[in-house]
Amino acid sequence: MPASCFLILATQDGICRFPIRPEGSLGPFEQTLRGIALEAVSRDSFGTLYAGADKGKIYRSENGGQKWQEVFKGFPKTRGLWSLVAHPIRPREIYAGLEPVSLWISRDGGDHWEELIALRDHPAAKKWHFYDPMKPHIRAIAFDRQGERVYVGIEVGGALTSRDGGETFEDRSHGVDEDVHALQVAPDNPDHLFAMTGGGLFRSRDGGHRWKKLTNGLDRWYMVPLAFVANNPNALCVGAGNTPPPAWRTRGADAAIYWSGDGGDRWSMAEGPFPLRGMPSSIMTHPENPNHLFVGTSDGVLLRSTDGGKSWSVAAERLPRIEEMVISYQ
């Protein structure tokens, strides 16, 4: 019997789990972990799901997100969890990025954690900052396809990379806006990297040594999610807004989705219900139907595309604030 497919949303009110029908439409959702403000969700290579709460608790699901178990009660001396990413190859190995900046690793599915102190002790830490009362934090963690290289994005502080599992880090911040929100590594080359920042979209083709700001066709500047379409390094979608977070509840994000077919050199605004009041926070590509994509927003709207991101329609709305999404099977 073929496995059922689900879209898993980490929201500010727990998990929303939508069944994905064979043609790509969504069925009625079920909600679990109600009352828990989640910041991140990730899926490891064995299909196990992990969710991270804003206070640092870790939850795990072994059945495609239907049921969740709290496996870790929180990290010491942290103000919150901002990122949670599973290693692309090694099952049960997951990484958590916290505020203030510290990077942690678990090798047993979230039961136990240890800090990779080389990041916190890096000389670049002297320049990291944020706006009081908050502290700088790890907003982004990204791996290359083989899991041999990890990139970390600091809000506010730039980007760093490690080639030895976090034992040492190299600063890759020169030339990129230091307000890093998300990082994505191209599926075909670990040196091809995109940084979505509070000052625009940047691309590096040499592992972060040099960066180029991409502006052709982009008339919005606040960037968060980016996804590759159909594992094609030249086909991309990005979510962009025109206001920072303090304005989203009053003026709105004035946001839209853009797509590129040439690796990011040129962009076009997609067709759809744009501008959006909420900021796109996550883009997910369906692994079996790669032209089917989903976007979640900060005001609880879920969008769907069936043509590789060139046009979008509303799939669901009036959901809790969506932070991150994954696709799972059961």
Protein backbone atom coordinates (compact mmCIF):
# COMPACT_ATOMS: atom_id res chain seq x y z
CA MET A 1 0.00 0.00 0.00
CA PRO A 2 1.56 3.35 -0.98
CA ALA A 3 2.42 5.74 1.84
CA SER A 4 0.20 8.74 2.46
CA CYS A 5 1.81 12.14 1.99
CA PHE A 6 1.38 15.08 4.38
CA LEU A 7 2.36 18.73 4.51
CA ILE A 8 3.55 19.52 8.05
CA LEU A 9 3.38 23.13 9.25
CA ALA A 10 5.22 24.34 12.36
CA THR A 11 3.13 27.25 13.64
CA GLN A 12 2.79 29.49 16.65
CA ASP A 13 -0.01 27.16 17.80
CA GLY A 14 1.49 23.74 17.29
CA ILE A 15 1.56 21.48 14.22
CA CYS A 16 -0.95 21.65 11.36
CA ARG A 17 -0.91 18.45 9.28
CA PHE A 18 -2.50 18.53 5.83
CA PRO A 19 -2.93 15.38 3.71
CA ILE A 20 -1.73 15.97 0.15
CA ARG A 21 -3.99 14.34 -2.42
CA PRO A 22 -2.43 12.66 -5.50
CA GLU A 23 -3.28 15.61 -7.76
CA GLY A 24 -1.64 18.02 -5.27
CA SER A 25 -4.65 19.54 -3.51
CA LEU A 26 -4.88 19.52 0.28
CA GLY A 27 -7.38 17.71 2.47
CA PRO A 28 -8.69 18.89 5.86
CA PHE A 29 -5.92 19.42 8.39
CA GLU A 30 -5.51 18.10 11.90
CA GLN A 31 -3.75 20.03 14.65
CA THR A 32 -1.43 18.66 17.33
CA LEU A 33 0.82 20.22 19.98
CA ARG A 34 -1.80 22.94 20.42
CA GLY A 35 -0.72 25.86 22.57
CA ILE A 36 2.99 25.35 21.81
CA ALA A 37 4.75 28.08 19.85
CA LEU A 38 6.95 26.24 17.36
CA GLU A 39 9.78 27.88 15.42
CA ALA A 40 11.09 25.06 13.25
CA VAL A 41 10.44 21.59 11.88
CA SER A 42 12.77 19.20 10.04
CA ARG A 43 12.79 15.66 8.64
CA ASP A 44 15.80 13.34 8.76
CA SER A 45 16.88 10.80 6.15
CA PHE A 46 14.84 8.03 7.84
CA GLY A 47 11.66 10.13 7.82
CA THR A 48 11.64 11.01 11.51
CA LEU A 49 10.28 14.50 12.18
CA TYR A 50 11.62 16.98 14.71
CA ALA A 51 10.00 20.20 15.91
CA GLY A 52 11.60 22.93 17.99
CA ALA A 53 9.66 25.25 20.30
CA ASP A 54 10.61 28.88 20.80
CA LYS A 55 11.68 28.10 24.40
CA GLY A 56 14.01 25.33 23.26
CA LYS A 57 11.96 22.19 23.80
CA ILE A 58 12.37 19.47 21.17
CA TYR A 59 9.57 17.19 19.96
CA ARG A 60 9.87 14.06 17.79
CA SER A 61 7.43 12.13 15.62
CA GLU A 62 8.05 8.63 14.28
CA ASN A 63 4.76 8.34 12.38
CA GLY A 64 4.72 11.19 9.90
CA GLY A 65 3.58 13.87 12.33
CA GLN A 66 0.43 12.18 13.62
CA LYS A 67 1.76 11.90 17.18
CA TRP A 68 4.60 13.78 18.89
CA GLN A 69 6.74 13.10 21.92
CA GLU A 70 8.65 15.69 23.94
CA VAL A 71 12.23 14.39 24.02
CA PHE A 72 14.19 17.37 25.36
CA LYS A 73 13.06 20.00 27.86
CA GLY A 74 15.33 22.86 26.86
CA PHE A 75 18.84 24.23 26.46
CA PRO A 76 20.72 26.00 29.25
CA LYS A 77 20.95 29.80 29.29
CA THR A 78 18.93 30.25 26.12
CA ARG A 79 16.31 32.84 25.26
CA GLY A 80 14.91 30.79 22.44
CA LEU A 81 15.36 28.39 19.54
CA TRP A 82 15.44 29.84 16.01
CA SER A 83 16.50 26.97 13.75
CA LEU A 84 16.41 23.18 13.75
CA VAL A 85 17.84 21.15 10.85
CA ALA A 86 18.41 17.42 10.37
CA HIS A 87 21.59 16.19 8.72
CA PRO A 88 20.78 15.20 5.10
CA ILE A 89 22.56 11.83 5.29
CA ARG A 90 23.02 10.70 8.90
CA PRO A 91 19.69 9.79 10.54
CA ARG A 92 18.94 11.07 14.07
CA GLU A 93 21.65 13.74 13.78
CA ILE A 94 20.09 17.18 14.18
CA TYR A 95 21.36 20.71 14.76
CA ALA A 96 19.76 23.53 16.73
CA GLY A 97 20.54 27.24 16.52
CA LEU A 98 19.77 29.36 19.56
CA GLU A 99 19.61 32.88 21.01
CA PRO A 100 22.14 34.09 22.17
CA VAL A 101 24.27 32.53 19.44
CA SER A 102 25.11 28.90 20.16
CA LEU A 103 25.00 25.84 17.91
CA TRP A 104 24.09 22.44 19.33
CA ILE A 105 24.16 18.90 17.93
CA SER A 106 22.24 15.76 18.85
CA ARG A 107 23.29 12.36 17.52
CA ASP A 108 20.46 10.37 19.07
CA GLY A 109 17.34 12.00 17.69
CA GLY A 110 17.15 14.88 20.13
CA ASP A 111 17.42 13.01 23.43
CA HIS A 112 20.86 14.44 24.28
CA TRP A 113 22.72 17.52 23.02
CA GLU A 114 26.19 19.00 23.08
CA GLU A 115 27.30 22.48 22.07
CA LEU A 116 29.69 23.05 19.17
CA ILE A 117 31.55 25.76 21.04
CA ALA A 118 33.84 26.68 18.13
CA LEU A 119 31.08 28.86 16.71
CA ARG A 120 30.36 30.83 19.89
CA ASP A 121 34.09 31.31 20.46
CA HIS A 122 34.81 32.46 16.89
CA PRO A 123 36.58 35.85 16.60
CA ALA A 124 33.73 37.05 14.36
CA ALA A 125 31.45 36.98 17.40
CA LYS A 126 32.71 40.44 18.36
CA LYS A 127 30.67 42.00 15.55
CA TRP A 128 27.41 40.07 16.13
CA HIS A 129 24.56 42.22 17.43
CA PHE A 130 20.81 42.63 17.57
CA TYR A 131 18.25 45.08 18.88
CA ASP A 132 17.61 45.17 22.63
CA PRO A 133 16.24 43.33 24.46
CA MET A 134 16.95 40.50 22.00
CA LYS A 135 20.38 39.03 21.37
CA PRO A 136 22.03 37.87 18.11
CA HIS A 137 20.93 34.37 17.18
CA ILE A 138 21.37 31.58 14.64
CA ARG A 139 18.57 32.19 12.16
CA ALA A 140 19.77 29.76 9.48
CA ILE A 141 21.47 26.35 9.22
CA ALA A 142 22.03 24.78 5.79
CA PHE A 143 23.89 21.71 4.52
CA ASP A 144 25.18 20.75 1.12
CA ARG A 145 23.54 17.66 -0.40
CA GLN A 146 26.16 15.24 0.97
CA GLY A 147 26.22 16.80 4.43
CA GLU A 148 29.94 17.47 4.26
CA ARG A 149 29.63 21.22 4.72
CA VAL A 150 27.37 23.21 7.02
CA TYR A 151 26.60 26.91 6.67
CA VAL A 152 25.30 29.03 9.53
CA GLY A 153 23.57 32.41 9.27
CA ILE A 154 23.63 34.89 12.15
CA GLU A 155 20.97 37.53 12.69
CA VAL A 156 22.70 39.97 12.82
CA GLY A 157 26.26 38.89 11.98
CA GLY A 158 26.67 37.31 8.55
CA ALA A 159 27.52 33.75 7.51
CA LEU A 160 30.03 31.11 8.56
CA THR A 161 30.86 27.62 7.33
CA SER A 162 32.37 24.42 8.72
CA ARG A 163 33.84 21.47 6.82
CA ASP A 164 34.58 19.31 9.87
CA GLY A 165 31.23 18.87 11.55
CA GLY A 166 31.44 22.05 13.57
CA GLU A 167 34.86 21.57 15.09
CA THR A 168 36.05 24.76 13.36
CA PHE A 169 34.32 27.58 11.47
CA GLU A 170 35.37 30.03 8.78
CA ASP A 171 33.81 33.47 8.43
CA ARG A 172 32.08 34.00 5.07
CA SER A 173 30.49 37.39 5.78
CA HIS A 174 32.50 39.69 3.56
CA GLY A 175 30.27 41.09 0.84
CA VAL A 176 26.93 39.82 2.15
CA ASP A 177 24.37 41.76 4.16
CA GLU A 178 24.94 40.83 7.80
CA ASP A 179 21.22 40.44 8.60
CA VAL A 180 20.98 36.82 7.42
CA HIS A 181 17.51 35.22 7.53
CA ALA A 182 18.01 32.03 5.50
CA LEU A 183 20.64 30.12 3.52
CA GLN A 184 20.21 27.59 0.72
CA VAL A 185 22.87 25.47 -0.97
CA ALA A 186 22.40 24.53 -4.63
CA PRO A 187 21.55 20.84 -5.16
CA ASP A 188 24.42 20.28 -7.60
CA ASN A 189 27.31 22.22 -6.07
CA PRO A 190 28.23 22.81 -2.38
CA ASP A 191 29.98 26.05 -3.34
CA HIS A 192 26.82 27.60 -4.84
CA LEU A 193 25.03 29.36 -2.01
CA PHE A 194 22.17 31.83 -1.62
CA ALA A 195 21.69 34.15 1.35
CA MET A 196 18.33 35.77 2.01
CA THR A 197 18.80 38.85 4.14
CA GLY A 198 17.22 42.03 5.45
CA GLY A 199 19.11 43.86 2.72
CA GLY A 200 18.28 41.73 -0.32
CA LEU A 201 19.19 38.46 -2.02
CA PHE A 202 22.84 37.43 -2.40
CA ARG A 203 24.54 34.60 -4.31
CA SER A 204 27.99 33.07 -3.94
CA ARG A 205 29.58 30.62 -6.34
CA ASP A 206 32.71 29.97 -4.30
CA GLY A 207 31.44 28.87 -0.90
CA GLY A 208 30.88 32.36 0.45
CA HIS A 209 34.28 33.87 -0.33
CA ARG A 210 32.62 36.36 -2.68
CA TRP A 211 29.01 37.47 -2.86
CA LYS A 212 26.90 39.18 -5.50
CA LYS A 213 23.65 40.99 -4.76
CA LEU A 214 20.88 39.92 -7.15
CA THR A 215 18.49 42.72 -8.10
CA ASN A 216 17.33 42.19 -11.71
CA GLY A 217 13.54 42.00 -11.52
CA LEU A 218 13.39 42.11 -7.72
CA ASP A 219 11.59 45.23 -6.49
CA ARG A 220 11.31 44.04 -2.88
CA TRP A 221 14.22 43.86 -0.44
CA TYR A 222 13.29 41.88 2.70
CA MET A 223 14.06 38.22 1.89
CA VAL A 224 13.33 35.04 3.83
CA PRO A 225 12.57 31.75 2.02
CA LEU A 226 14.10 30.39 -1.19
CA ALA A 227 13.60 26.99 -2.81
CA PHE A 228 14.95 25.14 -5.82
CA VAL A 229 12.27 23.76 -8.12
CA ALA A 230 12.54 20.11 -9.23
CA ASN A 231 16.12 19.92 -7.91
CA ASN A 232 17.08 22.21 -10.78
CA PRO A 233 19.84 24.61 -9.66
CA ASN A 234 18.64 27.16 -12.21
CA ALA A 235 14.95 27.14 -11.23
CA LEU A 236 14.24 29.08 -8.05
CA CYS A 237 11.43 30.72 -6.09
CA VAL A 238 11.96 33.35 -3.40
CA GLY A 239 9.64 35.17 -1.03
CA ALA A 240 10.25 38.91 -0.60
CA GLY A 241 8.63 41.81 1.24
CA ASN A 242 8.96 45.57 1.47
CA THR A 243 8.72 46.07 5.24
CA PRO A 244 10.52 44.66 8.31
CA PRO A 245 8.68 42.55 10.93
CA PRO A 246 7.50 45.42 13.20
CA ALA A 247 5.32 46.71 10.36
CA TRP A 248 3.69 43.42 9.37
CA ARG A 249 0.79 43.70 11.81
CA THR A 250 0.03 47.32 10.98
CA ARG A 251 0.99 48.10 7.38
CA GLY A 252 1.57 44.52 6.25
CA ALA A 253 4.63 42.97 4.60
CA ASP A 254 3.73 44.06 1.02
CA ALA A 255 5.15 40.70 -0.07
CA ALA A 256 5.23 38.56 -3.21
CA ILE A 257 6.77 35.42 -4.69
CA TYR A 258 9.34 35.70 -7.49
CA TRP A 259 10.72 33.01 -9.77
CA SER A 260 13.88 32.65 -11.83
CA GLY A 261 14.82 30.19 -14.56
CA ASP A 262 18.47 31.14 -14.92
CA GLY A 263 19.97 30.59 -11.49
CA GLY A 264 18.93 33.95 -10.09
CA ASP A 265 20.31 36.34 -12.69
CA ARG A 266 16.81 37.52 -13.64
CA TRP A 267 13.58 37.39 -11.69
CA SER A 268 9.88 37.79 -12.46
CA MET A 269 7.05 38.29 -10.01
CA ALA A 270 4.75 35.29 -10.01
CA GLU A 271 1.04 35.51 -10.69
CA GLY A 272 -1.19 35.27 -7.65
CA PRO A 273 -2.86 37.15 -4.80
CA PHE A 274 -0.05 39.65 -4.49
CA PRO A 275 0.87 41.76 -2.64
CA LEU A 276 0.50 39.62 0.47
CA ARG A 277 -0.12 41.19 3.85
CA GLY A 278 1.83 38.42 5.58
CA MET A 279 5.50 37.68 4.92
CA PRO A 280 6.36 34.36 3.22
CA SER A 281 8.23 32.35 5.83
CA SER A 282 8.74 28.95 4.18
CA ILE A 283 8.67 27.38 0.71
CA MET A 284 8.35 23.62 0.28
CA THR A 285 8.66 21.61 -2.93
CA HIS A 286 6.80 18.33 -3.27
CA PRO A 287 9.48 15.61 -3.67
CA GLU A 288 7.36 13.47 -6.03
CA ASN A 289 5.63 16.27 -7.95
CA PRO A 290 8.45 18.83 -8.16
CA ASN A 291 6.36 21.45 -9.95
CA HIS A 292 4.01 21.49 -6.94
CA LEU A 293 5.12 23.97 -4.29
CA PHE A 294 3.67 25.40 -1.09
CA VAL A 295 4.32 28.72 0.66
CA GLY A 296 3.38 29.59 4.24
CA THR A 297 3.11 33.14 5.56
CA SER A 298 3.38 35.02 8.82
CA ASP A 299 -0.36 35.69 8.91
CA GLY A 300 -1.42 32.08 8.45
CA VAL A 301 -2.03 31.88 4.71
CA LEU A 302 -0.98 28.79 2.77
CA LEU A 303 -0.39 29.16 -0.98
CA ARG A 304 -0.04 26.43 -3.62
CA SER A 305 1.58 26.34 -7.06
CA THR A 306 1.29 23.56 -9.66
CA ASP A 307 3.52 25.09 -12.34
CA GLY A 308 6.90 25.39 -10.65
CA GLY A 309 6.15 28.62 -8.84
CA LYS A 310 5.07 30.80 -11.76
CA SER A 311 1.51 31.17 -10.43
CA TRP A 312 -0.03 30.75 -6.98
CA SER A 313 -3.45 30.38 -5.39
CA VAL A 314 -4.66 30.29 -1.79
CA ALA A 315 -4.87 26.72 -0.47
CA ALA A 316 -5.80 27.57 3.13
CA GLU A 317 -6.09 30.65 5.33
CA ARG A 318 -6.87 31.75 8.88
CA LEU A 319 -4.19 29.38 10.14
CA PRO A 320 -1.79 30.23 12.98
CA ARG A 321 1.40 32.04 12.01
CA ILE A 322 3.43 29.61 9.87
CA GLU A 323 7.14 29.38 10.68
CA GLU A 324 8.39 26.38 8.67
CA MET A 325 7.15 23.41 6.64
CA VAL A 326 8.23 19.89 5.65
CA ILE A 327 6.63 17.03 3.74
CA SER A 328 6.31 13.65 5.46
CA TYR A 329 4.95 10.17 4.76
CA GLN A 330 3.01 7.66 6.79
